[in-house]
Amino acid sequence: MVEVGEQRPEPVEGFPKADGVHRFIAKFIDFLIVAALAMVFPPVGFFAGMTYLLIADGLFAGQSAGKRLIGLQTLRSDTGAVISFRESILRNVPVSAAYLCLTIPYIGWLAAGGIVLVEALLVIGNLHGHRVGDEIAKTHVIDLRPSAQETRPERPMDA
């Protein structure tokens, strides 16, 4: 709840900021898909997983499988248009770099953890919820589901 006199951050270009928890759940679902591809189709599955990570947000009108299940969508910050495969690849380069680092024992795992940690901290701490990939590709993740306030039925005022 916003207190009187407290300024509330404005959304980017009129688009609401997606909830960080929803973004983490969606990305976790995407990582489960990547892990399944790597386990079911070795050694080609690793590259299929990398490809999925890069193009996932361009598959279903700005929604990866995880975002589609959770109700999020990725849009261009400047126009509000649904992102293309180009923007999806650009915004997912940091996450894909972390996935690639996992192939290097120990040091690579630390590097991957560091990349994911920085991305997560930016989603939480950035005013607009932008991570490095969002800044590179000029994208913004929005929540498509109506907020709890909007879906609550109105009560008649007591007299």
C-alpha atoms as a PDB file:
ATOM      1  CA  MET A   1       0.000   0.000   0.000  1.00  0.00           C
ATOM      2  CA  VAL A   2       1.340   3.433  -0.909  1.00  0.00           C
ATOM      3  CA  GLU A   3       1.392   5.919   1.959  1.00  0.00           C
ATOM      4  CA  VAL A   4       0.344   9.546   1.533  1.00  0.00           C
ATOM      5  CA  GLY A   5       3.270  11.591   0.262  1.00  0.00           C
ATOM      6  CA  GLU A   6       5.231   8.486  -0.812  1.00  0.00           C
ATOM      7  CA  GLN A   7       6.133   8.356  -4.482  1.00  0.00           C
ATOM      8  CA  ARG A   8       5.338   5.205  -6.346  1.00  0.00           C
ATOM      9  CA  PRO A   9       7.667   4.202  -9.208  1.00  0.00           C
ATOM     10  CA  GLU A  10       6.088   4.614 -12.611  1.00  0.00           C
ATOM     11  CA  PRO A  11       6.056   1.626 -14.958  1.00  0.00           C
ATOM     12  CA  VAL A  12       8.212   1.723 -18.073  1.00  0.00           C
ATOM     13  CA  GLU A  13       6.375   3.367 -20.959  1.00  0.00           C
ATOM     14  CA  GLY A  14       3.004   2.755 -19.291  1.00  0.00           C
ATOM     15  CA  PHE A  15       3.455  -1.001 -18.825  1.00  0.00           C
ATOM     16  CA  PRO A  16       3.095  -2.572 -15.374  1.00  0.00           C
ATOM     17  CA  LYS A  17       6.119  -4.277 -13.822  1.00  0.00           C
ATOM     18  CA  ALA A  18       5.762  -8.059 -13.504  1.00  0.00           C
ATOM     19  CA  ASP A  19       6.058  -9.574 -10.045  1.00  0.00           C
ATOM     20  CA  GLY A  20       9.562 -10.896  -9.375  1.00  0.00           C
ATOM     21  CA  VAL A  21       8.292 -14.138  -7.838  1.00  0.00           C
ATOM     22  CA  HIS A  22       6.256 -14.871 -10.962  1.00  0.00           C
ATOM     23  CA  ARG A  23       9.319 -14.201 -13.116  1.00  0.00           C
ATOM     24  CA  PHE A  24      11.434 -16.594 -11.028  1.00  0.00           C
ATOM     25  CA  ILE A  25       8.800 -19.328 -11.236  1.00  0.00           C
ATOM     26  CA  ALA A  26       8.513 -18.892 -15.014  1.00  0.00           C
ATOM     27  CA  LYS A  27      12.302 -19.056 -15.440  1.00  0.00           C
ATOM     28  CA  PHE A  28      12.440 -22.145 -13.196  1.00  0.00           C
ATOM     29  CA  ILE A  29       9.894 -23.860 -15.478  1.00  0.00           C
ATOM     30  CA  ASP A  30      12.046 -22.928 -18.476  1.00  0.00           C
ATOM     31  CA  PHE A  31      15.127 -24.366 -16.735  1.00  0.00           C
ATOM     32  CA  LEU A  32      13.204 -27.612 -16.121  1.00  0.00           C
ATOM     33  CA  ILE A  33      12.534 -27.805 -19.867  1.00  0.00           C
ATOM     34  CA  VAL A  34      16.226 -27.196 -20.597  1.00  0.00           C
ATOM     35  CA  ALA A  35      17.249 -29.895 -18.103  1.00  0.00           C
ATOM     36  CA  ALA A  36      14.756 -32.336 -19.621  1.00  0.00           C
ATOM     37  CA  LEU A  37      16.110 -31.686 -23.114  1.00  0.00           C
ATOM     38  CA  ALA A  38      19.686 -32.220 -21.903  1.00  0.00           C
ATOM     39  CA  MET A  39      18.813 -35.475 -20.112  1.00  0.00           C
ATOM     40  CA  VAL A  40      16.514 -37.007 -22.722  1.00  0.00           C
ATOM     41  CA  PHE A  41      18.578 -36.255 -25.828  1.00  0.00           C
ATOM     42  CA  PRO A  42      22.278 -36.357 -24.853  1.00  0.00           C
ATOM     43  CA  PRO A  43      24.617 -34.943 -26.241  1.00  0.00           C
ATOM     44  CA  VAL A  44      22.417 -32.996 -28.660  1.00  0.00           C
ATOM     45  CA  GLY A  45      20.080 -32.091 -25.786  1.00  0.00           C
ATOM     46  CA  PHE A  46      22.605 -29.627 -24.353  1.00  0.00           C
ATOM     47  CA  PHE A  47      22.506 -27.615 -27.581  1.00  0.00           C
ATOM     48  CA  ALA A  48      18.722 -27.979 -27.820  1.00  0.00           C
ATOM     49  CA  GLY A  49      18.499 -26.572 -24.305  1.00  0.00           C
ATOM     50  CA  MET A  50      20.802 -23.681 -25.224  1.00  0.00           C
ATOM     51  CA  THR A  51      18.690 -22.959 -28.292  1.00  0.00           C
ATOM     52  CA  TYR A  52      15.515 -23.039 -26.218  1.00  0.00           C
ATOM     53  CA  LEU A  53      16.999 -20.613 -23.682  1.00  0.00           C
ATOM     54  CA  LEU A  54      17.899 -18.179 -26.444  1.00  0.00           C
ATOM     55  CA  ILE A  55      14.661 -18.221 -28.459  1.00  0.00           C
ATOM     56  CA  ALA A  56      12.105 -19.126 -25.763  1.00  0.00           C
ATOM     57  CA  ASP A  57      10.636 -15.641 -25.330  1.00  0.00           C
ATOM     58  CA  GLY A  58      10.005 -15.341 -29.065  1.00  0.00           C
ATOM     59  CA  LEU A  59       8.044 -18.582 -29.361  1.00  0.00           C
ATOM     60  CA  PHE A  60       4.513 -17.768 -28.179  1.00  0.00           C
ATOM     61  CA  ALA A  61       4.057 -14.044 -28.834  1.00  0.00           C
ATOM     62  CA  GLY A  62       6.633 -12.910 -26.298  1.00  0.00           C
ATOM     63  CA  GLN A  63       6.106 -15.821 -23.933  1.00  0.00           C
ATOM     64  CA  SER A  64       8.366 -18.746 -23.139  1.00  0.00           C
ATOM     65  CA  ALA A  65       6.606 -21.903 -21.947  1.00  0.00           C
ATOM     66  CA  GLY A  66       7.175 -20.804 -18.343  1.00  0.00           C
ATOM     67  CA  LYS A  67       5.878 -17.282 -18.959  1.00  0.00           C
ATOM     68  CA  ARG A  68       2.849 -18.673 -20.779  1.00  0.00           C
ATOM     69  CA  LEU A  69       1.976 -20.947 -17.833  1.00  0.00           C
ATOM     70  CA  ILE A  70       2.440 -18.163 -15.265  1.00  0.00           C
ATOM     71  CA  GLY A  71       0.778 -15.406 -17.318  1.00  0.00           C
ATOM     72  CA  LEU A  72       3.714 -13.149 -18.197  1.00  0.00           C
ATOM     73  CA  GLN A  73       4.705 -11.600 -21.509  1.00  0.00           C
ATOM     74  CA  THR A  74       7.811  -9.855 -22.814  1.00  0.00           C
ATOM     75  CA  LEU A  75       7.330  -6.637 -24.782  1.00  0.00           C
ATOM     76  CA  ARG A  76       9.628  -4.088 -26.359  1.00  0.00           C
ATOM     77  CA  SER A  77      10.118  -1.157 -23.995  1.00  0.00           C
ATOM     78  CA  ASP A  78      10.063   1.454 -26.739  1.00  0.00           C
ATOM     79  CA  THR A  79       6.976   0.401 -28.722  1.00  0.00           C
ATOM     80  CA  GLY A  80       5.111  -2.055 -26.505  1.00  0.00           C
ATOM     81  CA  ALA A  81       5.151  -4.577 -29.352  1.00  0.00           C
ATOM     82  CA  VAL A  82       5.621  -8.274 -28.762  1.00  0.00           C
ATOM     83  CA  ILE A  83       9.297  -9.207 -29.033  1.00  0.00           C
ATOM     84  CA  SER A  84      10.756 -11.143 -31.933  1.00  0.00           C
ATOM     85  CA  PHE A  85      13.336 -13.921 -31.916  1.00  0.00           C
ATOM     86  CA  ARG A  86      16.032 -11.257 -32.261  1.00  0.00           C
ATOM     87  CA  GLU A  87      15.075  -9.554 -28.994  1.00  0.00           C
ATOM     88  CA  SER A  88      14.625 -12.945 -27.343  1.00  0.00           C
ATOM     89  CA  ILE A  89      18.167 -13.952 -28.263  1.00  0.00           C
ATOM     90  CA  LEU A  90      19.593 -10.617 -27.093  1.00  0.00           C
ATOM     91  CA  ARG A  91      17.768 -10.637 -23.751  1.00  0.00           C
ATOM     92  CA  ASN A  92      18.696 -14.245 -22.994  1.00  0.00           C
ATOM     93  CA  VAL A  93      22.436 -14.038 -23.745  1.00  0.00           C
ATOM     94  CA  PRO A  94      23.378 -13.651 -20.030  1.00  0.00           C
ATOM     95  CA  VAL A  95      21.283 -16.652 -18.960  1.00  0.00           C
ATOM     96  CA  SER A  96      22.641 -18.730 -21.845  1.00  0.00           C
ATOM     97  CA  ALA A  97      26.191 -17.730 -20.870  1.00  0.00           C
ATOM     98  CA  ALA A  98      25.475 -19.049 -17.372  1.00  0.00           C
ATOM     99  CA  TYR A  99      24.195 -22.316 -18.870  1.00  0.00           C
ATOM    100  CA  LEU A 100      27.320 -22.583 -21.003  1.00  0.00           C
ATOM    101  CA  CYS A 101      29.518 -21.983 -17.937  1.00  0.00           C
ATOM    102  CA  LEU A 102      28.032 -25.099 -16.338  1.00  0.00           C
ATOM    103  CA  THR A 103      30.141 -27.209 -18.695  1.00  0.00           C
ATOM    104  CA  ILE A 104      33.291 -26.050 -16.868  1.00  0.00           C
ATOM    105  CA  PRO A 105      33.703 -27.921 -13.566  1.00  0.00           C
ATOM    106  CA  TYR A 106      33.807 -25.875 -10.347  1.00  0.00           C
ATOM    107  CA  ILE A 107      34.941 -22.478 -11.667  1.00  0.00           C
ATOM    108  CA  GLY A 108      32.263 -22.512 -14.356  1.00  0.00           C
ATOM    109  CA  TRP A 109      29.647 -23.428 -11.800  1.00  0.00           C
ATOM    110  CA  LEU A 110      30.697 -20.465  -9.662  1.00  0.00           C
ATOM    111  CA  ALA A 111      30.580 -18.183 -12.701  1.00  0.00           C
ATOM    112  CA  ALA A 112      27.119 -19.488 -13.635  1.00  0.00           C
ATOM    113  CA  GLY A 113      25.916 -18.936 -10.087  1.00  0.00           C
ATOM    114  CA  GLY A 114      27.329 -15.411 -10.132  1.00  0.00           C
ATOM    115  CA  ILE A 115      25.593 -14.555 -13.397  1.00  0.00           C
ATOM    116  CA  VAL A 116      22.262 -15.918 -12.186  1.00  0.00           C
ATOM    117  CA  LEU A 117      22.658 -14.118  -8.851  1.00  0.00           C
ATOM    118  CA  VAL A 118      23.317 -10.761 -10.549  1.00  0.00           C
ATOM    119  CA  GLU A 119      20.337 -11.252 -12.867  1.00  0.00           C
ATOM    120  CA  ALA A 120      18.082 -12.187  -9.929  1.00  0.00           C
ATOM    121  CA  LEU A 121      19.224  -9.236  -7.829  1.00  0.00           C
ATOM    122  CA  LEU A 122      18.530  -6.879 -10.720  1.00  0.00           C
ATOM    123  CA  VAL A 123      14.982  -8.218 -11.140  1.00  0.00           C
ATOM    124  CA  ILE A 124      14.399  -7.638  -7.435  1.00  0.00           C
ATOM    125  CA  GLY A 125      16.251  -4.351  -7.006  1.00  0.00           C
ATOM    126  CA  ASN A 126      15.796  -2.567 -10.315  1.00  0.00           C
ATOM    127  CA  LEU A 127      13.054   0.044 -10.288  1.00  0.00           C
ATOM    128  CA  HIS A 128      11.492  -1.407 -13.438  1.00  0.00           C
ATOM    129  CA  GLY A 129      12.452  -5.055 -12.853  1.00  0.00           C
ATOM    130  CA  HIS A 130      14.963  -5.040 -15.691  1.00  0.00           C
ATOM    131  CA  ARG A 131      17.816  -7.495 -15.683  1.00  0.00           C
ATOM    132  CA  VAL A 132      20.938  -7.171 -17.853  1.00  0.00           C
ATOM    133  CA  GLY A 133      19.228  -8.963 -20.739  1.00  0.00           C
ATOM    134  CA  ASP A 134      16.269  -6.577 -20.626  1.00  0.00           C
ATOM    135  CA  GLU A 135      18.618  -3.593 -20.799  1.00  0.00           C
ATOM    136  CA  ILE A 136      20.527  -5.093 -23.760  1.00  0.00           C
ATOM    137  CA  ALA A 137      17.396  -5.939 -25.765  1.00  0.00           C
ATOM    138  CA  LYS A 138      15.273  -2.979 -24.556  1.00  0.00           C
ATOM    139  CA  THR A 139      12.501  -5.275 -23.310  1.00  0.00           C
ATOM    140  CA  HIS A 140      10.070  -5.298 -20.396  1.00  0.00           C
ATOM    141  CA  VAL A 141       8.214  -8.210 -18.770  1.00  0.00           C
ATOM    142  CA  ILE A 142       4.575  -7.589 -17.873  1.00  0.00           C
ATOM    143  CA  ASP A 143       1.971  -9.556 -15.944  1.00  0.00           C
ATOM    144  CA  LEU A 144      -1.046 -10.391 -18.121  1.00  0.00           C
ATOM    145  CA  ARG A 145      -3.240 -11.527 -15.251  1.00  0.00           C
ATOM    146  CA  PRO A 146      -5.479  -8.913 -13.642  1.00  0.00           C
ATOM    147  CA  SER A 147      -4.368  -7.856 -10.194  1.00  0.00           C
ATOM    148  CA  ALA A 148      -6.225  -9.020  -7.104  1.00  0.00           C
ATOM    149  CA  GLN A 149      -7.583  -5.509  -6.656  1.00  0.00           C
ATOM    150  CA  GLU A 150      -9.142  -5.462 -10.110  1.00  0.00           C
ATOM    151  CA  THR A 151     -10.817  -8.870  -9.709  1.00  0.00           C
ATOM    152  CA  ARG A 152     -12.261  -8.194  -6.252  1.00  0.00           C
ATOM    153  CA  PRO A 153     -16.031  -7.628  -6.458  1.00  0.00           C
ATOM    154  CA  GLU A 154     -17.183  -4.205  -5.397  1.00  0.00           C
ATOM    155  CA  ARG A 155     -19.099  -3.957  -2.150  1.00  0.00           C
ATOM    156  CA  PRO A 156     -21.901  -1.449  -1.783  1.00  0.00           C
ATOM    157  CA  MET A 157     -21.045   1.307   0.634  1.00  0.00           C
ATOM    158  CA  ASP A 158     -22.575   0.935   4.079  1.00  0.00           C
ATOM    159  CA  ALA A 159     -25.040   3.665   4.938  1.00  0.00           C
END
